[in-house]
Amino acid sequence: MVSSRTITALAGFFASLLLSALVWWQFDTLAFFLFVPFVPFLLRGTGGGEERTVRTCPRCGFETTNDAYDYCPRDGTRLE
C-alpha cells in the first residue's frame, strides 16, 4: 500500500506539471514549477532503522527525543 506521504508528493508533482503546461500554453514560454519542498519529503526515511527514546521530566512532563537535552529547559530537572 502506498503511504499518504507518497500520494501527497505525487499529487504535488502532477499539479506542478499541470501548472507548467498551463503557463506554457498561456504565455508561450517554457517554465517548470516543480515543488522543491517535496524532494526532501520523498527522500526522508520512515524512521524504521533506529528507535528513538523519549526522555521525560518527572516534574513538569516535558518530553523530548533530542539527545542534546540532558536537563529540562523549563525547571532544570534531569530528564529520565
Protein backbone atom coordinates (compact mmCIF):
# COMPACT_ATOMS: atom_id res chain seq x y z
CA MET A 1 0.00 0.00 0.00
CA VAL A 2 1.27 3.47 -0.87
CA SER A 3 1.80 5.82 2.07
CA SER A 4 -0.03 9.12 2.34
CA ARG A 5 3.31 10.93 2.16
CA THR A 6 3.99 9.46 -1.29
CA ILE A 7 0.47 10.22 -2.51
CA THR A 8 0.80 13.85 -1.37
CA ALA A 9 4.18 14.22 -3.07
CA LEU A 10 2.89 12.69 -6.31
CA ALA A 11 -0.18 14.94 -6.25
CA GLY A 12 2.08 17.98 -5.82
CA PHE A 13 4.32 16.79 -8.63
CA PHE A 14 1.44 16.33 -11.06
CA ALA A 15 -0.14 19.64 -10.04
CA SER A 16 3.22 21.28 -10.74
CA LEU A 17 3.41 19.70 -14.19
CA LEU A 18 -0.16 20.79 -14.92
CA LEU A 19 0.61 24.36 -13.85
CA SER A 20 3.75 24.33 -16.00
CA ALA A 21 1.72 23.17 -19.03
CA LEU A 22 -0.90 25.87 -18.46
CA VAL A 23 1.76 28.59 -18.20
CA TRP A 24 3.41 27.30 -21.37
CA TRP A 25 0.08 27.27 -23.21
CA GLN A 26 -0.97 30.74 -22.00
CA PHE A 27 2.33 32.66 -22.27
CA ASP A 28 4.14 30.51 -24.85
CA THR A 29 7.22 30.20 -22.68
CA LEU A 30 8.83 27.21 -21.00
CA ALA A 31 8.53 27.27 -17.20
CA PHE A 32 8.66 24.40 -14.75
CA PHE A 33 7.11 24.82 -11.33
CA LEU A 34 8.34 21.72 -9.58
CA PHE A 35 7.66 21.76 -5.87
CA VAL A 36 11.16 21.65 -4.39
CA PRO A 37 9.88 21.14 -0.81
CA PHE A 38 8.54 17.73 -1.86
CA VAL A 39 12.03 16.40 -2.66
CA PRO A 40 13.19 16.01 0.96
CA PHE A 41 9.66 14.82 1.76
CA LEU A 42 10.13 11.89 -0.61
CA LEU A 43 13.72 11.12 0.36
CA ARG A 44 13.15 11.21 4.11
CA GLY A 45 13.33 7.81 5.76
CA THR A 46 10.42 6.28 7.62
CA GLY A 47 12.44 6.01 10.84
CA GLY A 48 12.29 2.22 10.95
CA GLY A 49 16.05 1.78 11.23
CA GLU A 50 16.69 3.26 14.65
CA GLU A 51 14.41 3.54 17.61
CA ARG A 52 14.17 6.93 19.35
CA THR A 53 13.81 7.04 23.09
CA VAL A 54 11.57 9.62 24.69
CA ARG A 55 13.02 11.23 27.79
CA THR A 56 10.67 12.92 30.24
CA CYS A 57 10.94 15.48 33.01
CA PRO A 58 9.48 13.97 36.20
CA ARG A 59 8.28 17.37 37.47
CA CYS A 60 6.56 19.10 34.56
CA GLY A 61 6.15 16.32 31.98
CA PHE A 62 8.38 17.88 29.28
CA GLU A 63 9.24 15.21 26.67
CA THR A 64 11.98 15.11 24.05
CA THR A 65 13.71 12.68 21.72
CA ASN A 66 16.63 15.06 21.17
CA ASP A 67 19.85 13.77 22.78
CA ALA A 68 21.09 17.35 23.21
CA TYR A 69 18.77 17.82 26.20
CA ASP A 70 20.06 16.40 29.49
CA TYR A 71 18.01 18.73 31.66
CA CYS A 72 14.51 20.15 31.38
CA PRO A 73 14.56 23.64 29.80
CA ARG A 74 11.62 24.68 32.00
CA ASP A 75 12.82 23.84 35.51
CA GLY A 76 16.33 22.34 35.20
CA THR A 77 15.43 18.85 36.42
CA ARG A 78 17.46 15.96 34.99
CA LEU A 79 15.46 14.08 32.31
CA GLU A 80 14.70 10.41 32.81
